[in-house]
Structures are given as C-alpha cells and as structure tokens.
Amino acid sequence: MGNLIKTLITGLLGGTMVSLPTIIRRVLISLGFGVVVFTGMSILLASIKTQAFANLQGVPSIALQIFGILNIDVAFSIVISAYAIKLTMRSMGGVNPKQIGLF
C-alpha cells in the first residue's frame, strides 16, 4: 500500500514538472495578450465615446434635453462597458460568460 501511494505521488509530481514550463508559458502569453488587448480596446472605446459625445454638439437643445430625460448617455456607457467586458473576457483566455453565469 505504501509503495502504491509513493508511486502515485512520484508520477503526479513528475507529470507536473514536465508540463509546468508549458503551463507557465501559456499563462504568460495569455496575460500579455490580454493586457495588450484590454489597453487597446480601452483606448478605442474611450475614443469612440468621446467622438459620439462630440457629435452631439450640433444637436438642438430640445433634443439634448430629451436625451437627458431618457438617460441616453448612461445607456451608451452601459453598452460600451459591456462590450469592453466581453472583449476582456475573451482576451484573458476565452472565458465563456455563460459558464460563470454572467449572460
């Protein structure tokens, strides 16, 4: 019984040591890719949001008041934030939002 446990532990540790460099490499690549994608998408989405709000400068005041009553700016921010979260989750290793109960 003692030899079986010793053999099992040795096999598990040996398998872990063999696959550890591959696991570390994949984690570092996915984290680096995730950081680059998240930073790029944050810049892009901020630019889109700024441009969308800048285009509202020529809109008549009554339309801006209606937009304020309807909270169009909040709705736009929610949509942009949801899109950023979706892209971040995809870039960080392909996490499916349905698996963790988000959507």
PDB file of N, CA and C in Angstrom:
ATOM      1  N   MET A   1       0.820  -1.196   0.000  1.00  0.00           N
ATOM      2  CA  MET A   1       0.000   0.000   0.000  1.00  0.00           C
ATOM      3  C   MET A   1       0.862   1.258   0.000  1.00  0.00           C
ATOM      4  N   GLY A   2       1.955   1.244   0.764  1.00  0.00           N
ATOM      5  CA  GLY A   2       2.842   2.392   0.834  1.00  0.00           C
ATOM      6  C   GLY A   2       3.553   2.636  -0.491  1.00  0.00           C
ATOM      7  N   ASN A   3       3.923   1.536  -1.194  1.00  0.00           N
ATOM      8  CA  ASN A   3       4.584   1.691  -2.491  1.00  0.00           C
ATOM      9  C   ASN A   3       3.640   2.259  -3.536  1.00  0.00           C
ATOM     10  N   LEU A   4       2.365   1.922  -3.453  1.00  0.00           N
ATOM     11  CA  LEU A   4       1.377   2.440  -4.402  1.00  0.00           C
ATOM     12  C   LEU A   4       1.215   3.952  -4.247  1.00  0.00           C
ATOM     13  N   ILE A   5       1.126   4.395  -3.021  1.00  0.00           N
ATOM     14  CA  ILE A   5       0.979   5.834  -2.774  1.00  0.00           C
ATOM     15  C   ILE A   5       2.239   6.573  -3.207  1.00  0.00           C
ATOM     16  N   LYS A   6       3.405   5.995  -2.892  1.00  0.00           N
ATOM     17  CA  LYS A   6       4.673   6.614  -3.282  1.00  0.00           C
ATOM     18  C   LYS A   6       4.791   6.706  -4.798  1.00  0.00           C
ATOM     19  N   THR A   7       4.406   5.660  -5.500  1.00  0.00           N
ATOM     20  CA  THR A   7       4.457   5.653  -6.962  1.00  0.00           C
ATOM     21  C   THR A   7       3.473   6.661  -7.541  1.00  0.00           C
ATOM     22  N   LEU A   8       2.297   6.752  -6.959  1.00  0.00           N
ATOM     23  CA  LEU A   8       1.282   7.691  -7.430  1.00  0.00           C
ATOM     24  C   LEU A   8       1.749   9.139  -7.255  1.00  0.00           C
ATOM     25  N   ILE A   9       2.289   9.444  -6.091  1.00  0.00           N
ATOM     26  CA  ILE A   9       2.779  10.801  -5.832  1.00  0.00           C
ATOM     27  C   ILE A   9       3.944  11.137  -6.746  1.00  0.00           C
ATOM     28  N   THR A  10       4.860  10.200  -6.937  1.00  0.00           N
ATOM     29  CA  THR A  10       6.002  10.418  -7.825  1.00  0.00           C
ATOM     30  C   THR A  10       5.544  10.669  -9.254  1.00  0.00           C
ATOM     31  N   GLY A  11       4.569   9.907  -9.711  1.00  0.00           N
ATOM     32  CA  GLY A  11       4.039  10.099 -11.059  1.00  0.00           C
ATOM     33  C   GLY A  11       3.361  11.446 -11.230  1.00  0.00           C
ATOM     34  N   LEU A  12       2.578  11.852 -10.244  1.00  0.00           N
ATOM     35  CA  LEU A  12       1.902  13.149 -10.315  1.00  0.00           C
ATOM     36  C   LEU A  12       2.902  14.296 -10.307  1.00  0.00           C
ATOM     37  N   LEU A  13       3.892  14.232  -9.432  1.00  0.00           N
ATOM     38  CA  LEU A  13       4.905  15.286  -9.384  1.00  0.00           C
ATOM     39  C   LEU A  13       5.746  15.312 -10.652  1.00  0.00           C
ATOM     40  N   GLY A  14       6.072  14.133 -11.162  1.00  0.00           N
ATOM     41  CA  GLY A  14       6.852  14.071 -12.405  1.00  0.00           C
ATOM     42  C   GLY A  14       6.088  14.650 -13.583  1.00  0.00           C
ATOM     43  N   GLY A  15       4.796  14.332 -13.681  1.00  0.00           N
ATOM     44  CA  GLY A  15       3.971  14.877 -14.758  1.00  0.00           C
ATOM     45  C   GLY A  15       3.801  16.375 -14.644  1.00  0.00           C
ATOM     46  N   THR A  16       3.673  16.845 -13.412  1.00  0.00           N
ATOM     47  CA  THR A  16       3.544  18.284 -13.198  1.00  0.00           C
ATOM     48  C   THR A  16       4.831  19.010 -13.577  1.00  0.00           C
ATOM     49  N   MET A  17       5.956  18.449 -13.215  1.00  0.00           N
ATOM     50  CA  MET A  17       7.240  19.090 -13.518  1.00  0.00           C
ATOM     51  C   MET A  17       7.501  19.118 -15.025  1.00  0.00           C
ATOM     52  N   VAL A  18       7.043  18.102 -15.732  1.00  0.00           N
ATOM     53  CA  VAL A  18       7.234  18.070 -17.184  1.00  0.00           C
ATOM     54  C   VAL A  18       6.353  19.115 -17.865  1.00  0.00           C
ATOM     55  N   SER A  19       5.117  19.261 -17.419  1.00  0.00           N
ATOM     56  CA  SER A  19       4.189  20.175 -18.079  1.00  0.00           C
ATOM     57  C   SER A  19       4.229  21.589 -17.523  1.00  0.00           C
ATOM     58  N   LEU A  20       4.950  21.831 -16.438  1.00  0.00           N
ATOM     59  CA  LEU A  20       4.988  23.154 -15.818  1.00  0.00           C
ATOM     60  C   LEU A  20       5.523  24.254 -16.740  1.00  0.00           C
ATOM     61  N   PRO A  21       6.611  24.041 -17.477  1.00  0.00           N
ATOM     62  CA  PRO A  21       7.064  25.120 -18.381  1.00  0.00           C
ATOM     63  C   PRO A  21       6.032  25.489 -19.450  1.00  0.00           C
ATOM     64  N   THR A  22       5.320  24.510 -19.967  1.00  0.00           N
ATOM     65  CA  THR A  22       4.294  24.783 -20.966  1.00  0.00           C
ATOM     66  C   THR A  22       3.145  25.576 -20.362  1.00  0.00           C
ATOM     67  N   ILE A  23       2.749  25.198 -19.158  1.00  0.00           N
ATOM     68  CA  ILE A  23       1.659  25.904 -18.485  1.00  0.00           C
ATOM     69  C   ILE A  23       2.065  27.345 -18.194  1.00  0.00           C
ATOM     70  N   ILE A  24       3.263  27.544 -17.682  1.00  0.00           N
ATOM     71  CA  ILE A  24       3.734  28.900 -17.371  1.00  0.00           C
ATOM     72  C   ILE A  24       3.822  29.731 -18.637  1.00  0.00           C
ATOM     73  N   ARG A  25       4.328  29.149 -19.720  1.00  0.00           N
ATOM     74  CA  ARG A  25       4.435  29.876 -20.983  1.00  0.00           C
ATOM     75  C   ARG A  25       3.061  30.300 -21.492  1.00  0.00           C
ATOM     76  N   ARG A  26       2.098  29.400 -21.432  1.00  0.00           N
ATOM     77  CA  ARG A  26       0.743  29.739 -21.904  1.00  0.00           C
ATOM     78  C   ARG A  26       0.095  30.824 -21.043  1.00  0.00           C
ATOM     79  N   VAL A  27       0.298  30.752 -19.741  1.00  0.00           N
ATOM     80  CA  VAL A  27      -0.270  31.764 -18.843  1.00  0.00           C
ATOM     81  C   VAL A  27       0.342  33.130 -19.139  1.00  0.00           C
ATOM     82  N   LEU A  28       1.660  33.190 -19.297  1.00  0.00           N
ATOM     83  CA  LEU A  28       2.316  34.466 -19.566  1.00  0.00           C
ATOM     84  C   LEU A  28       1.904  35.042 -20.917  1.00  0.00           C
ATOM     85  N   ILE A  29       1.772  34.190 -21.924  1.00  0.00           N
ATOM     86  CA  ILE A  29       1.339  34.664 -23.240  1.00  0.00           C
ATOM     87  C   ILE A  29      -0.088  35.195 -23.169  1.00  0.00           C
ATOM     88  N   SER A  30      -0.980  34.460 -22.507  1.00  0.00           N
ATOM     89  CA  SER A  30      -2.371  34.916 -22.436  1.00  0.00           C
ATOM     90  C   SER A  30      -2.499  36.188 -21.609  1.00  0.00           C
ATOM     91  N   LEU A  31      -1.722  36.320 -20.545  1.00  0.00           N
ATOM     92  CA  LEU A  31      -1.772  37.554 -19.753  1.00  0.00           C
ATOM     93  C   LEU A  31      -1.236  38.734 -20.555  1.00  0.00           C
ATOM     94  N   GLY A  32      -0.132  38.524 -21.258  1.00  0.00           N
ATOM     95  CA  GLY A  32       0.421  39.608 -22.075  1.00  0.00           C
ATOM     96  C   GLY A  32      -0.532  40.011 -23.179  1.00  0.00           C
ATOM     97  N   PHE A  33      -1.116  39.032 -23.848  1.00  0.00           N
ATOM     98  CA  PHE A  33      -2.087  39.321 -24.903  1.00  0.00           C
ATOM     99  C   PHE A  33      -3.307  40.013 -24.321  1.00  0.00           C
ATOM    100  N   GLY A  34      -3.750  39.565 -23.160  1.00  0.00           N
ATOM    101  CA  GLY A  34      -4.912  40.171 -22.520  1.00  0.00           C
ATOM    102  C   GLY A  34      -4.667  41.621 -22.149  1.00  0.00           C
ATOM    103  N   VAL A  35      -3.476  41.921 -21.646  1.00  0.00           N
ATOM    104  CA  VAL A  35      -3.151  43.300 -21.274  1.00  0.00           C
ATOM    105  C   VAL A  35      -3.126  44.188 -22.509  1.00  0.00           C
ATOM    106  N   VAL A  36      -2.509  43.697 -23.586  1.00  0.00           N
ATOM    107  CA  VAL A  36      -2.434  44.479 -24.822  1.00  0.00           C
ATOM    108  C   VAL A  36      -3.826  44.722 -25.391  1.00  0.00           C
ATOM    109  N   VAL A  37      -4.645  43.692 -25.445  1.00  0.00           N
ATOM    110  CA  VAL A  37      -5.998  43.836 -25.996  1.00  0.00           C
ATOM    111  C   VAL A  37      -6.845  44.748 -25.114  1.00  0.00           C
ATOM    112  N   PHE A  38      -6.750  44.571 -23.791  1.00  0.00           N
ATOM    113  CA  PHE A  38      -7.540  45.400 -22.888  1.00  0.00           C
ATOM    114  C   PHE A  38      -7.132  46.866 -23.002  1.00  0.00           C
ATOM    115  N   THR A  39      -5.830  47.132 -23.059  1.00  0.00           N
ATOM    116  CA  THR A  39      -5.366  48.518 -23.184  1.00  0.00           C
ATOM    117  C   THR A  39      -5.796  49.121 -24.509  1.00  0.00           C
ATOM    118  N   GLY A  40      -5.615  48.375 -25.576  1.00  0.00           N
ATOM    119  CA  GLY A  40      -6.013  48.873 -26.892  1.00  0.00           C
ATOM    120  C   GLY A  40      -7.500  49.113 -26.996  1.00  0.00           C
ATOM    121  N   MET A  41      -8.283  48.184 -26.486  1.00  0.00           N
ATOM    122  CA  MET A  41      -9.733  48.347 -26.558  1.00  0.00           C
ATOM    123  C   MET A  41     -10.215  49.476 -25.642  1.00  0.00           C
ATOM    124  N   SER A  42      -9.560  49.669 -24.517  1.00  0.00           N
ATOM    125  CA  SER A  42      -9.938  50.786 -23.644  1.00  0.00           C
ATOM    126  C   SER A  42      -9.704  52.112 -24.342  1.00  0.00           C
ATOM    127  N   ILE A  43      -8.577  52.232 -25.026  1.00  0.00           N
ATOM    128  CA  ILE A  43      -8.278  53.457 -25.771  1.00  0.00           C
ATOM    129  C   ILE A  43      -9.283  53.642 -26.903  1.00  0.00           C
ATOM    130  N   LEU A  44      -9.563  52.567 -27.634  1.00  0.00           N
ATOM    131  CA  LEU A  44     -10.502  52.645 -28.749  1.00  0.00           C
ATOM    132  C   LEU A  44     -11.904  53.015 -28.277  1.00  0.00           C
ATOM    133  N   LEU A  45     -12.383  52.361 -27.221  1.00  0.00           N
ATOM    134  CA  LEU A  45     -13.732  52.633 -26.741  1.00  0.00           C
ATOM    135  C   LEU A  45     -13.845  54.040 -26.141  1.00  0.00           C
ATOM    136  N   ALA A  46     -12.796  54.510 -25.488  1.00  0.00           N
ATOM    137  CA  ALA A  46     -12.803  55.883 -24.976  1.00  0.00           C
ATOM    138  C   ALA A  46     -12.855  56.878 -26.127  1.00  0.00           C
ATOM    139  N   SER A  47     -12.134  56.576 -27.194  1.00  0.00           N
ATOM    140  CA  SER A  47     -12.151  57.455 -28.372  1.00  0.00           C
ATOM    141  C   SER A  47     -13.532  57.475 -29.019  1.00  0.00           C
ATOM    142  N   ILE A  48     -14.149  56.310 -29.129  1.00  0.00           N
ATOM    143  CA  ILE A  48     -15.492  56.234 -29.720  1.00  0.00           C
ATOM    144  C   ILE A  48     -16.492  57.012 -28.860  1.00  0.00           C
ATOM    145  N   LYS A  49     -16.387  56.862 -27.545  1.00  0.00           N
ATOM    146  CA  LYS A  49     -17.298  57.564 -26.645  1.00  0.00           C
ATOM    147  C   LYS A  49     -17.105  59.075 -26.744  1.00  0.00           C
ATOM    148  N   THR A  50     -15.857  59.518 -26.775  1.00  0.00           N
ATOM    149  CA  THR A  50     -15.574  60.951 -26.898  1.00  0.00           C
ATOM    150  C   THR A  50     -16.099  61.498 -28.212  1.00  0.00           C
ATOM    151  N   GLN A  51     -15.885  60.750 -29.278  1.00  0.00           N
ATOM    152  CA  GLN A  51     -16.349  61.201 -30.582  1.00  0.00           C
ATOM    153  C   GLN A  51     -17.878  61.234 -30.649  1.00  0.00           C
ATOM    154  N   ALA A  52     -18.533  60.269 -30.050  1.00  0.00           N
ATOM    155  CA  ALA A  52     -20.001  60.245 -30.061  1.00  0.00           C
ATOM    156  C   ALA A  52     -20.564  61.446 -29.301  1.00  0.00           C
ATOM    157  N   PHE A  53     -19.971  61.747 -28.154  1.00  0.00           N
ATOM    158  CA  PHE A  53     -20.460  62.894 -27.392  1.00  0.00           C
ATOM    159  C   PHE A  53     -20.085  64.217 -28.057  1.00  0.00           C
ATOM    160  N   ALA A  54     -18.972  64.247 -28.782  1.00  0.00           N
ATOM    161  CA  ALA A  54     -18.580  65.463 -29.504  1.00  0.00           C
ATOM    162  C   ALA A  54     -19.541  65.726 -30.659  1.00  0.00           C
ATOM    163  N   ASN A  55     -20.069  64.681 -31.246  1.00  0.00           N
ATOM    164  CA  ASN A  55     -21.022  64.852 -32.344  1.00  0.00           C
ATOM    165  C   ASN A  55     -22.372  65.395 -31.870  1.00  0.00           C
ATOM    166  N   LEU A  56     -22.595  65.369 -30.573  1.00  0.00           N
ATOM    167  CA  LEU A  56     -23.846  65.897 -30.038  1.00  0.00           C
ATOM    168  C   LEU A  56     -23.807  67.420 -29.876  1.00  0.00           C
ATOM    169  N   GLN A  57     -22.684  68.055 -30.187  1.00  0.00           N
ATOM    170  CA  GLN A  57     -22.558  69.500 -30.004  1.00  0.00           C
ATOM    171  C   GLN A  57     -23.503  70.290 -30.921  1.00  0.00           C
ATOM    172  N   GLY A  58     -23.776  69.772 -32.112  1.00  0.00           N
ATOM    173  CA  GLY A  58     -24.620  70.493 -33.054  1.00  0.00           C
ATOM    174  C   GLY A  58     -26.099  70.185 -32.921  1.00  0.00           C
ATOM    175  N   VAL A  59     -26.468  69.362 -31.964  1.00  0.00           N
ATOM    176  CA  VAL A  59     -27.860  68.958 -31.790  1.00  0.00           C
ATOM    177  C   VAL A  59     -28.620  70.079 -31.066  1.00  0.00           C
ATOM    178  N   PRO A  60     -29.849  70.361 -31.474  1.00  0.00           N
ATOM    179  CA  PRO A  60     -30.637  71.399 -30.793  1.00  0.00           C
ATOM    180  C   PRO A  60     -30.827  71.094 -29.304  1.00  0.00           C
ATOM    181  N   SER A  61     -31.051  72.141 -28.537  1.00  0.00           N
ATOM    182  CA  SER A  61     -31.133  71.989 -27.080  1.00  0.00           C
ATOM    183  C   SER A  61     -32.326  71.134 -26.659  1.00  0.00           C
ATOM    184  N   ILE A  62     -33.412  71.182 -27.382  1.00  0.00           N
ATOM    185  CA  ILE A  62     -34.583  70.369 -27.016  1.00  0.00           C
ATOM    186  C   ILE A  62     -34.263  68.879 -27.153  1.00  0.00           C
ATOM    187  N   ALA A  63     -33.496  68.540 -28.174  1.00  0.00           N
ATOM    188  CA  ALA A  63     -33.101  67.139 -28.345  1.00  0.00           C
ATOM    189  C   ALA A  63     -32.163  66.720 -27.217  1.00  0.00           C
ATOM    190  N   LEU A  64     -31.248  67.599 -26.807  1.00  0.00           N
ATOM    191  CA  LEU A  64     -30.349  67.280 -25.692  1.00  0.00           C
ATOM    192  C   LEU A  64     -31.120  67.108 -24.393  1.00  0.00           C
ATOM    193  N   GLN A  65     -32.170  67.896 -24.216  1.00  0.00           N
ATOM    194  CA  GLN A  65     -32.996  67.739 -23.024  1.00  0.00           C
ATOM    195  C   GLN A  65     -33.715  66.397 -23.030  1.00  0.00           C
ATOM    196  N   ILE A  66     -34.203  66.007 -24.190  1.00  0.00           N
ATOM    197  CA  ILE A  66     -34.855  64.693 -24.309  1.00  0.00           C
ATOM    198  C   ILE A  66     -33.841  63.582 -24.052  1.00  0.00           C
ATOM    199  N   PHE A  67     -32.622  63.728 -24.602  1.00  0.00           N
ATOM    200  CA  PHE A  67     -31.565  62.742 -24.332  1.00  0.00           C
ATOM    201  C   PHE A  67     -31.269  62.661 -22.837  1.00  0.00           C
ATOM    202  N   GLY A  68     -31.281  63.818 -22.167  1.00  0.00           N
ATOM    203  CA  GLY A  68     -31.036  63.839 -20.723  1.00  0.00           C
ATOM    204  C   GLY A  68     -32.136  63.142 -19.946  1.00  0.00           C
ATOM    205  N   ILE A  69     -33.377  63.356 -20.354  1.00  0.00           N
ATOM    206  CA  ILE A  69     -34.503  62.705 -19.681  1.00  0.00           C
ATOM    207  C   ILE A  69     -34.457  61.194 -19.887  1.00  0.00           C
ATOM    208  N   LEU A  70     -34.097  60.777 -21.099  1.00  0.00           N
ATOM    209  CA  LEU A  70     -34.050  59.349 -21.421  1.00  0.00           C
ATOM    210  C   LEU A  70     -32.759  58.662 -20.955  1.00  0.00           C
ATOM    211  N   ASN A  71     -31.806  59.440 -20.431  1.00  0.00           N
ATOM    212  CA  ASN A  71     -30.513  58.908 -19.976  1.00  0.00           C
ATOM    213  C   ASN A  71     -29.780  58.167 -21.095  1.00  0.00           C
ATOM    214  N   ILE A  72     -29.751  58.778 -22.258  1.00  0.00           N
ATOM    215  CA  ILE A  72     -29.066  58.171 -23.398  1.00  0.00           C
ATOM    216  C   ILE A  72     -27.587  58.013 -23.111  1.00  0.00           C
ATOM    217  N   ASP A  73     -26.979  58.970 -22.407  1.00  0.00           N
ATOM    218  CA  ASP A  73     -25.559  58.886 -22.102  1.00  0.00           C
ATOM    219  C   ASP A  73     -25.250  57.694 -21.194  1.00  0.00           C
ATOM    220  N   VAL A  74     -26.131  57.426 -20.244  1.00  0.00           N
ATOM    221  CA  VAL A  74     -25.939  56.282 -19.351  1.00  0.00           C
ATOM    222  C   VAL A  74     -26.096  54.979 -20.128  1.00  0.00           C
ATOM    223  N   ALA A  75     -27.092  54.915 -20.994  1.00  0.00           N
ATOM    224  CA  ALA A  75     -27.304  53.709 -21.796  1.00  0.00           C
ATOM    225  C   ALA A  75     -26.110  53.452 -22.705  1.00  0.00           C
ATOM    226  N   PHE A  76     -25.577  54.512 -23.309  1.00  0.00           N
ATOM    227  CA  PHE A  76     -24.413  54.372 -24.177  1.00  0.00           C
ATOM    228  C   PHE A  76     -23.204  53.876 -23.385  1.00  0.00           C
ATOM    229  N   SER A  77     -23.008  54.402 -22.181  1.00  0.00           N
ATOM    230  CA  SER A  77     -21.895  53.966 -21.334  1.00  0.00           C
ATOM    231  C   SER A  77     -22.051  52.507 -20.927  1.00  0.00           C
ATOM    232  N   ILE A  78     -23.275  52.082 -20.642  1.00  0.00           N
ATOM    233  CA  ILE A  78     -23.514  50.683 -20.269  1.00  0.00           C
ATOM    234  C   ILE A  78     -23.189  49.753 -21.427  1.00  0.00           C
ATOM    235  N   VAL A  79     -23.602  50.120 -22.628  1.00  0.00           N
ATOM    236  CA  VAL A  79     -23.327  49.285 -23.799  1.00  0.00           C
ATOM    237  C   VAL A  79     -21.821  49.206 -24.064  1.00  0.00           C
ATOM    238  N   ILE A  80     -21.139  50.335 -23.999  1.00  0.00           N
ATOM    239  CA  ILE A  80     -19.688  50.350 -24.229  1.00  0.00           C
ATOM    240  C   ILE A  80     -18.976  49.534 -23.150  1.00  0.00           C
ATOM    241  N   SER A  81     -19.387  49.663 -21.897  1.00  0.00           N
ATOM    242  CA  SER A  81     -18.764  48.903 -20.807  1.00  0.00           C
ATOM    243  C   SER A  81     -18.998  47.407 -20.969  1.00  0.00           C
ATOM    244  N   ALA A  82     -20.187  47.015 -21.363  1.00  0.00           N
ATOM    245  CA  ALA A  82     -20.480  45.593 -21.576  1.00  0.00           C
ATOM    246  C   ALA A  82     -19.635  45.032 -22.703  1.00  0.00           C
ATOM    247  N   TYR A  83     -19.466  45.809 -23.759  1.00  0.00           N
ATOM    248  CA  TYR A  83     -18.630  45.363 -24.871  1.00  0.00           C
ATOM    249  C   TYR A  83     -17.172  45.236 -24.430  1.00  0.00           C
ATOM    250  N   ALA A  84     -16.695  46.164 -23.620  1.00  0.00           N
ATOM    251  CA  ALA A  84     -15.317  46.097 -23.122  1.00  0.00           C
ATOM    252  C   ALA A  84     -15.118  44.878 -22.231  1.00  0.00           C
ATOM    253  N   ILE A  85     -16.103  44.570 -21.392  1.00  0.00           N
ATOM    254  CA  ILE A  85     -16.006  43.398 -20.523  1.00  0.00           C
ATOM    255  C   ILE A  85     -15.989  42.124 -21.355  1.00  0.00           C
ATOM    256  N   LYS A  86     -16.819  42.057 -22.369  1.00  0.00           N
ATOM    257  CA  LYS A  86     -16.856  40.877 -23.233  1.00  0.00           C
ATOM    258  C   LYS A  86     -15.513  40.663 -23.923  1.00  0.00           C
ATOM    259  N   LEU A  87     -14.941  41.731 -24.467  1.00  0.00           N
ATOM    260  CA  LEU A  87     -13.646  41.609 -25.137  1.00  0.00           C
ATOM    261  C   LEU A  87     -12.540  41.248 -24.155  1.00  0.00           C
ATOM    262  N   THR A  88     -12.596  41.790 -22.960  1.00  0.00           N
ATOM    263  CA  THR A  88     -11.591  41.466 -21.949  1.00  0.00           C
ATOM    264  C   THR A  88     -11.672  40.001 -21.558  1.00  0.00           C
ATOM    265  N   MET A  89     -12.887  39.500 -21.375  1.00  0.00           N
ATOM    266  CA  MET A  89     -13.032  38.092 -21.005  1.00  0.00           C
ATOM    267  C   MET A  89     -12.559  37.174 -22.122  1.00  0.00           C
ATOM    268  N   ARG A  90     -12.811  37.546 -23.358  1.00  0.00           N
ATOM    269  CA  ARG A  90     -12.324  36.737 -24.477  1.00  0.00           C
ATOM    270  C   ARG A  90     -10.804  36.746 -24.551  1.00  0.00           C
ATOM    271  N   SER A  91     -10.215  37.901 -24.312  1.00  0.00           N
ATOM    272  CA  SER A  91      -8.764  38.010 -24.442  1.00  0.00           C
ATOM    273  C   SER A  91      -8.030  37.349 -23.293  1.00  0.00           C
ATOM    274  N   MET A  92      -8.647  37.217 -22.156  1.00  0.00           N
ATOM    275  CA  MET A  92      -7.992  36.638 -20.993  1.00  0.00           C
ATOM    276  C   MET A  92      -8.098  35.120 -20.948  1.00  0.00           C
ATOM    277  N   GLY A  93      -8.311  34.487 -22.036  1.00  0.00           N
ATOM    278  CA  GLY A  93      -8.283  33.038 -22.049  1.00  0.00           C
ATOM    279  C   GLY A  93      -9.557  32.402 -22.545  1.00  0.00           C
ATOM    280  N   GLY A  94     -10.401  33.155 -23.157  1.00  0.00           N
ATOM    281  CA  GLY A  94     -11.593  32.576 -23.748  1.00  0.00           C
ATOM    282  C   GLY A  94     -12.638  32.148 -22.732  1.00  0.00           C
ATOM    283  N   VAL A  95     -12.773  32.878 -21.640  1.00  0.00           N
ATOM    284  CA  VAL A  95     -13.786  32.547 -20.648  1.00  0.00           C
ATOM    285  C   VAL A  95     -15.155  32.788 -21.257  1.00  0.00           C
ATOM    286  N   ASN A  96     -15.988  31.790 -21.175  1.00  0.00           N
ATOM    287  CA  ASN A  96     -17.342  31.910 -21.699  1.00  0.00           C
ATOM    288  C   ASN A  96     -18.227  32.510 -20.612  1.00  0.00           C
ATOM    289  N   PRO A  97     -18.830  33.687 -20.853  1.00  0.00           N
ATOM    290  CA  PRO A  97     -19.658  34.311 -19.813  1.00  0.00           C
ATOM    291  C   PRO A  97     -20.818  33.443 -19.359  1.00  0.00           C
ATOM    292  N   LYS A  98     -21.319  32.566 -20.234  1.00  0.00           N
ATOM    293  CA  LYS A  98     -22.435  31.711 -19.865  1.00  0.00           C
ATOM    294  C   LYS A  98     -22.009  30.664 -18.825  1.00  0.00           C
ATOM    295  N   GLN A  99     -20.710  30.276 -18.847  1.00  0.00           N
ATOM    296  CA  GLN A  99     -20.229  29.282 -17.907  1.00  0.00           C
ATOM    297  C   GLN A  99     -20.196  29.812 -16.479  1.00  0.00           C
ATOM    298  N   ILE A 100     -19.958  31.115 -16.332  1.00  0.00           N
ATOM    299  CA  ILE A 100     -19.886  31.670 -14.985  1.00  0.00           C
ATOM    300  C   ILE A 100     -21.147  32.441 -14.609  1.00  0.00           C
ATOM    301  N   GLY A 101     -22.160  32.382 -15.463  1.00  0.00           N
ATOM    302  CA  GLY A 101     -23.467  32.931 -15.136  1.00  0.00           C
ATOM    303  C   GLY A 101     -23.633  34.419 -15.327  1.00  0.00           C
ATOM    304  N   LEU A 102     -22.831  35.044 -16.191  1.00  0.00           N
ATOM    305  CA  LEU A 102     -22.991  36.477 -16.404  1.00  0.00           C
ATOM    306  C   LEU A 102     -24.092  36.796 -17.402  1.00  0.00           C
ATOM    307  N   PHE A 103     -24.198  36.009 -18.460  1.00  0.00           N
ATOM    308  CA  PHE A 103     -25.194  36.304 -19.501  1.00  0.00           C
ATOM    309  C   PHE A 103     -26.027  35.074 -19.760  1.00  0.00           C
TER     310      PHE A 103
END
